């Protein structure tokens, strides 16, 4: 059932409220029969989204409170968490950083419920690249990570630069040339 404005083609337009057969309720802006602009949707499972819609999808800034109590606050694109955002779990853990097509991806910081934290790079929601893990007692360890596993010490700042790599290669070549002479 829909209660609200219609355009000259009989499509939902402007402010309105719609109750779906599945049990969700949307109240907000409409354009050409689609959610478009600011709105609030209460889902049949009890979850609630409030924020921007475009062409029927969550797009722009918005907050999603899941039925379980977890919360995401941040940017959306085509119905996916995308861009900068913050995800808070009901257990007290929290991630703040980049998302790509609904997945933790890029630079971010996660604080875990036990007091430990990780600040660094992520790929497919796993630690990947340079990052620093700090345990609940405050002891920090900067390392390289691959597919969620620690694989070695992180290079010193600037250690991954082209100039640094060139210096290391030049040193190896000089040492091997001198050894072979």
C-alpha atoms as a PDB file:
ATOM      1  CA  UNK A   1       0.000   0.000   0.000  1.00  0.00           C
ATOM      2  CA  UNK A   2       1.266   3.474  -0.882  1.00  0.00           C
ATOM      3  CA  UNK A   3       0.297   6.817   0.572  1.00  0.00           C
ATOM      4  CA  UNK A   4       1.844   9.889  -1.046  1.00  0.00           C
ATOM      5  CA  UNK A   5       2.350  11.972  -4.141  1.00  0.00           C
ATOM      6  CA  UNK A   6       2.146  10.878  -7.759  1.00  0.00           C
ATOM      7  CA  UNK A   7       3.528  12.472 -10.916  1.00  0.00           C
ATOM      8  CA  UNK A   8       1.538  13.050 -14.103  1.00  0.00           C
ATOM      9  CA  UNK A   9       2.305   9.465 -15.223  1.00  0.00           C
ATOM     10  CA  UNK A  10       0.766   8.048 -12.026  1.00  0.00           C
ATOM     11  CA  UNK A  11       4.191   7.108 -10.584  1.00  0.00           C
ATOM     12  CA  UNK A  12       5.206   7.584  -6.951  1.00  0.00           C
ATOM     13  CA  UNK A  13       6.848  11.004  -6.700  1.00  0.00           C
ATOM     14  CA  UNK A  14       7.795  13.346  -3.853  1.00  0.00           C
ATOM     15  CA  UNK A  15       7.231  12.412  -0.208  1.00  0.00           C
ATOM     16  CA  UNK A  16       5.403   9.161   0.435  1.00  0.00           C
ATOM     17  CA  UNK A  17       5.082   6.033   2.535  1.00  0.00           C
ATOM     18  CA  UNK A  18       4.836   2.448   1.320  1.00  0.00           C
ATOM     19  CA  UNK A  19       4.084  -0.804   3.141  1.00  0.00           C
ATOM     20  CA  UNK A  20       5.290  -3.923   1.278  1.00  0.00           C
ATOM     21  CA  UNK A  21       3.669  -7.354   1.316  1.00  0.00           C
ATOM     22  CA  UNK A  22       6.921  -8.736   2.831  1.00  0.00           C
ATOM     23  CA  UNK A  23       6.469  -6.473   5.857  1.00  0.00           C
ATOM     24  CA  UNK A  24       8.951  -3.644   5.223  1.00  0.00           C
ATOM     25  CA  UNK A  25       7.939   0.016   5.432  1.00  0.00           C
ATOM     26  CA  UNK A  26       9.612   2.850   3.498  1.00  0.00           C
ATOM     27  CA  UNK A  27       8.954   6.505   4.213  1.00  0.00           C
ATOM     28  CA  UNK A  28      10.732   9.193   2.260  1.00  0.00           C
ATOM     29  CA  UNK A  29      11.295  10.704  -1.149  1.00  0.00           C
ATOM     30  CA  UNK A  30      10.253   9.061  -4.417  1.00  0.00           C
ATOM     31  CA  UNK A  31      11.061   9.775  -8.053  1.00  0.00           C
ATOM     32  CA  UNK A  32       9.566   7.957 -11.050  1.00  0.00           C
ATOM     33  CA  UNK A  33       8.214   5.099  -8.880  1.00  0.00           C
ATOM     34  CA  UNK A  34      11.546   4.486  -7.094  1.00  0.00           C
ATOM     35  CA  UNK A  35      12.992   5.457  -3.705  1.00  0.00           C
ATOM     36  CA  UNK A  36      15.090   8.515  -4.494  1.00  0.00           C
ATOM     37  CA  UNK A  37      16.430  11.103  -2.041  1.00  0.00           C
ATOM     38  CA  UNK A  38      16.305  10.898   1.740  1.00  0.00           C
ATOM     39  CA  UNK A  39      14.315   8.066   3.271  1.00  0.00           C
ATOM     40  CA  UNK A  40      13.918   5.599   6.096  1.00  0.00           C
ATOM     41  CA  UNK A  41      13.194   1.924   5.576  1.00  0.00           C
ATOM     42  CA  UNK A  42      12.266  -0.528   8.309  1.00  0.00           C
ATOM     43  CA  UNK A  43      12.845  -4.074   7.069  1.00  0.00           C
ATOM     44  CA  UNK A  44      10.662  -7.060   7.923  1.00  0.00           C
ATOM     45  CA  UNK A  45      13.477  -8.543  10.084  1.00  0.00           C
ATOM     46  CA  UNK A  46      13.617  -5.381  12.229  1.00  0.00           C
ATOM     47  CA  UNK A  47      16.683  -3.791  10.598  1.00  0.00           C
ATOM     48  CA  UNK A  48      16.468  -0.060   9.805  1.00  0.00           C
ATOM     49  CA  UNK A  49      18.204   2.013   7.107  1.00  0.00           C
ATOM     50  CA  UNK A  50      18.087   5.794   7.126  1.00  0.00           C
ATOM     51  CA  UNK A  51      19.861   7.837   4.505  1.00  0.00           C
ATOM     52  CA  UNK A  52      20.087   8.521   0.807  1.00  0.00           C
ATOM     53  CA  UNK A  53      18.537   6.476  -1.989  1.00  0.00           C
ATOM     54  CA  UNK A  54      19.041   6.725  -5.726  1.00  0.00           C
ATOM     55  CA  UNK A  55      16.973   4.822  -8.307  1.00  0.00           C
ATOM     56  CA  UNK A  56      15.620   2.496  -5.595  1.00  0.00           C
ATOM     57  CA  UNK A  57      18.981   1.626  -4.024  1.00  0.00           C
ATOM     58  CA  UNK A  58      20.903   2.859  -0.978  1.00  0.00           C
ATOM     59  CA  UNK A  59      23.341   5.380  -2.413  1.00  0.00           C
ATOM     60  CA  UNK A  60      25.186   8.245  -0.700  1.00  0.00           C
ATOM     61  CA  UNK A  61      25.371   8.640   3.080  1.00  0.00           C
ATOM     62  CA  UNK A  62      23.375   6.357   5.331  1.00  0.00           C
ATOM     63  CA  UNK A  63      23.087   4.333   8.518  1.00  0.00           C
ATOM     64  CA  UNK A  64      22.011   0.705   8.660  1.00  0.00           C
ATOM     65  CA  UNK A  65      21.110  -0.822  11.987  1.00  0.00           C
ATOM     66  CA  UNK A  66      20.876  -4.580  11.603  1.00  0.00           C
ATOM     67  CA  UNK A  67      18.237  -6.548  13.493  1.00  0.00           C
ATOM     68  CA  UNK A  68      21.031  -8.190  15.550  1.00  0.00           C
ATOM     69  CA  UNK A  69      22.196  -4.769  16.784  1.00  0.00           C
ATOM     70  CA  UNK A  70      25.284  -4.300  14.562  1.00  0.00           C
ATOM     71  CA  UNK A  71      25.461  -0.840  12.940  1.00  0.00           C
ATOM     72  CA  UNK A  72      27.079   0.544   9.765  1.00  0.00           C
ATOM     73  CA  UNK A  73      27.429   4.318   9.309  1.00  0.00           C
ATOM     74  CA  UNK A  74      28.949   5.620   6.113  1.00  0.00           C
ATOM     75  CA  UNK A  75      28.923   5.797   2.366  1.00  0.00           C
ATOM     76  CA  UNK A  76      26.865   3.612   0.024  1.00  0.00           C
ATOM     77  CA  UNK A  77      26.946   2.951  -3.707  1.00  0.00           C
ATOM     78  CA  UNK A  78      24.346   0.921  -5.571  1.00  0.00           C
ATOM     79  CA  UNK A  79      23.103  -0.794  -2.381  1.00  0.00           C
ATOM     80  CA  UNK A  80      26.632  -1.677  -1.148  1.00  0.00           C
ATOM     81  CA  UNK A  81      28.802  -0.232   1.604  1.00  0.00           C
ATOM     82  CA  UNK A  82      31.307   1.669  -0.519  1.00  0.00           C
ATOM     83  CA  UNK A  83      33.770   4.400   0.447  1.00  0.00           C
ATOM     84  CA  UNK A  84      34.470   5.549   4.006  1.00  0.00           C
ATOM     85  CA  UNK A  85      32.479   3.960   6.792  1.00  0.00           C
ATOM     86  CA  UNK A  86      32.332   2.626  10.319  1.00  0.00           C
ATOM     87  CA  UNK A  87      30.966  -0.787  11.323  1.00  0.00           C
ATOM     88  CA  UNK A  88      30.203  -1.474  14.998  1.00  0.00           C
ATOM     89  CA  UNK A  89      29.464  -4.993  16.186  1.00  0.00           C
ATOM     90  CA  UNK A  90      27.167  -5.578  19.127  1.00  0.00           C
ATOM     91  CA  UNK A  91      30.087  -7.327  20.934  1.00  0.00           C
ATOM     92  CA  UNK A  92      31.987  -4.004  21.129  1.00  0.00           C
ATOM     93  CA  UNK A  93      34.372  -4.481  18.181  1.00  0.00           C
ATOM     94  CA  UNK A  94      34.567  -1.634  15.659  1.00  0.00           C
ATOM     95  CA  UNK A  95      36.061  -1.111  12.180  1.00  0.00           C
ATOM     96  CA  UNK A  96      36.592   2.324  10.673  1.00  0.00           C
ATOM     97  CA  UNK A  97      37.986   2.766   7.183  1.00  0.00           C
ATOM     98  CA  UNK A  98      37.434   1.928   3.552  1.00  0.00           C
ATOM     99  CA  UNK A  99      34.851  -0.380   1.982  1.00  0.00           C
ATOM    100  CA  UNK A 100      34.568  -1.499  -1.633  1.00  0.00           C
ATOM    101  CA  UNK A 101      31.399  -3.090  -3.022  1.00  0.00           C
ATOM    102  CA  UNK A 102      30.293  -4.157   0.462  1.00  0.00           C
ATOM    103  CA  UNK A 103      33.657  -5.534   1.648  1.00  0.00           C
ATOM    104  CA  UNK A 104      36.365  -4.119   3.940  1.00  0.00           C
ATOM    105  CA  UNK A 105      39.042  -3.087   1.439  1.00  0.00           C
ATOM    106  CA  UNK A 106      41.899  -0.571   1.635  1.00  0.00           C
ATOM    107  CA  UNK A 107      43.138   1.338   4.677  1.00  0.00           C
ATOM    108  CA  UNK A 108      41.365   0.863   7.995  1.00  0.00           C
ATOM    109  CA  UNK A 109      41.485   0.471  11.734  1.00  0.00           C
ATOM    110  CA  UNK A 110      39.788  -2.264  13.742  1.00  0.00           C
ATOM    111  CA  UNK A 111      39.418  -2.209  17.518  1.00  0.00           C
ATOM    112  CA  UNK A 112      38.461  -5.590  18.911  1.00  0.00           C
ATOM    113  CA  UNK A 113      36.255  -6.301  21.917  1.00  0.00           C
ATOM    114  CA  UNK A 114      39.258  -7.687  23.867  1.00  0.00           C
ATOM    115  CA  UNK A 115      41.071  -4.302  23.625  1.00  0.00           C
ATOM    116  CA  UNK A 116      43.493  -5.267  20.860  1.00  0.00           C
ATOM    117  CA  UNK A 117      43.556  -3.395  17.543  1.00  0.00           C
ATOM    118  CA  UNK A 118      44.877  -3.486  13.993  1.00  0.00           C
ATOM    119  CA  UNK A 119      45.628  -0.458  11.829  1.00  0.00           C
ATOM    120  CA  UNK A 120      46.689  -1.020   8.252  1.00  0.00           C
ATOM    121  CA  UNK A 121      45.746  -2.400   4.882  1.00  0.00           C
ATOM    122  CA  UNK A 122      42.953  -4.854   4.082  1.00  0.00           C
ATOM    123  CA  UNK A 123      42.053  -6.900   0.997  1.00  0.00           C
ATOM    124  CA  UNK A 124      38.760  -8.829   0.933  1.00  0.00           C
ATOM    125  CA  UNK A 125      38.217  -8.104   4.651  1.00  0.00           C
ATOM    126  CA  UNK A 126      41.571  -9.702   5.588  1.00  0.00           C
ATOM    127  CA  UNK A 127      44.770  -8.021   6.796  1.00  0.00           C
ATOM    128  CA  UNK A 128      46.926  -7.696   3.717  1.00  0.00           C
ATOM    129  CA  UNK A 129      49.921  -5.389   3.242  1.00  0.00           C
ATOM    130  CA  UNK A 130      51.519  -3.231   5.926  1.00  0.00           C
ATOM    131  CA  UNK A 131      49.840  -2.997   9.281  1.00  0.00           C
ATOM    132  CA  UNK A 132      50.315  -2.670  13.005  1.00  0.00           C
ATOM    133  CA  UNK A 133      48.686  -5.016  15.491  1.00  0.00           C
ATOM    134  CA  UNK A 134      48.495  -3.821  19.098  1.00  0.00           C
ATOM    135  CA  UNK A 135      47.545  -6.338  21.766  1.00  0.00           C
ATOM    136  CA  UNK A 136      45.288  -5.588  24.739  1.00  0.00           C
ATOM    137  CA  UNK A 137      48.378  -4.746  26.865  1.00  0.00           C
ATOM    138  CA  UNK A 138      49.559  -2.080  24.410  1.00  0.00           C
ATOM    139  CA  UNK A 139      52.407  -4.056  22.803  1.00  0.00           C
ATOM    140  CA  UNK A 140      52.618  -3.152  19.085  1.00  0.00           C
ATOM    141  CA  UNK A 141      53.973  -5.171  16.196  1.00  0.00           C
ATOM    142  CA  UNK A 142      54.315  -3.653  12.725  1.00  0.00           C
ATOM    143  CA  UNK A 143      54.378  -6.342  10.091  1.00  0.00           C
ATOM    144  CA  UNK A 144      53.509  -7.373   6.566  1.00  0.00           C
ATOM    145  CA  UNK A 145      50.373  -9.432   6.199  1.00  0.00           C
ATOM    146  CA  UNK A 146      49.166 -11.714   3.428  1.00  0.00           C
ATOM    147  CA  UNK A 147      45.648 -13.123   3.245  1.00  0.00           C
ATOM    148  CA  UNK A 148      45.120 -12.460   6.963  1.00  0.00           C
ATOM    149  CA  UNK A 149      48.411 -14.051   8.094  1.00  0.00           C
ATOM    150  CA  UNK A 150      51.511 -12.285   9.403  1.00  0.00           C
ATOM    151  CA  UNK A 151      54.388 -12.947   6.971  1.00  0.00           C
ATOM    152  CA  UNK A 152      57.202 -10.719   8.210  1.00  0.00           C
ATOM    153  CA  UNK A 153      58.311  -7.415   9.617  1.00  0.00           C
ATOM    154  CA  UNK A 154      57.048  -4.316   7.876  1.00  0.00           C
ATOM    155  CA  UNK A 155      59.801  -2.403   6.085  1.00  0.00           C
ATOM    156  CA  UNK A 156      60.886   0.797   7.790  1.00  0.00           C
ATOM    157  CA  UNK A 157      59.127   3.926   6.624  1.00  0.00           C
ATOM    158  CA  UNK A 158      60.186   4.591   3.062  1.00  0.00           C
ATOM    159  CA  UNK A 159      61.649   1.073   2.810  1.00  0.00           C
ATOM    160  CA  UNK A 160      59.266   0.121   0.068  1.00  0.00           C
ATOM    161  CA  UNK A 161      60.148   3.013  -2.210  1.00  0.00           C
ATOM    162  CA  UNK A 162      61.634   2.665  -5.671  1.00  0.00           C
ATOM    163  CA  UNK A 163      64.779   4.517  -4.537  1.00  0.00           C
ATOM    164  CA  UNK A 164      65.257   2.124  -1.618  1.00  0.00           C
ATOM    165  CA  UNK A 165      64.794  -0.906  -3.887  1.00  0.00           C
ATOM    166  CA  UNK A 166      67.279   0.534  -6.370  1.00  0.00           C
ATOM    167  CA  UNK A 167      69.847   1.069  -3.572  1.00  0.00           C
ATOM    168  CA  UNK A 168      69.413  -2.545  -2.381  1.00  0.00           C
ATOM    169  CA  UNK A 169      69.799  -3.875  -5.928  1.00  0.00           C
ATOM    170  CA  UNK A 170      72.892  -1.717  -6.516  1.00  0.00           C
ATOM    171  CA  UNK A 171      74.424  -2.997  -3.260  1.00  0.00           C
ATOM    172  CA  UNK A 172      73.762  -6.636  -4.277  1.00  0.00           C
ATOM    173  CA  UNK A 173      75.206  -6.079  -7.752  1.00  0.00           C
ATOM    174  CA  UNK A 174      78.307  -4.342  -6.338  1.00  0.00           C
ATOM    175  CA  UNK A 175      78.837  -7.102  -3.762  1.00  0.00           C
ATOM    176  CA  UNK A 176      78.414  -9.923  -6.292  1.00  0.00           C
ATOM    177  CA  UNK A 177      80.643  -8.171  -8.870  1.00  0.00           C
ATOM    178  CA  UNK A 178      83.378  -7.601  -6.261  1.00  0.00           C
ATOM    179  CA  UNK A 179      83.100 -11.215  -5.096  1.00  0.00           C
ATOM    180  CA  UNK A 180      83.409 -12.513  -8.672  1.00  0.00           C
ATOM    181  CA  UNK A 181      86.441 -10.316  -9.535  1.00  0.00           C
END
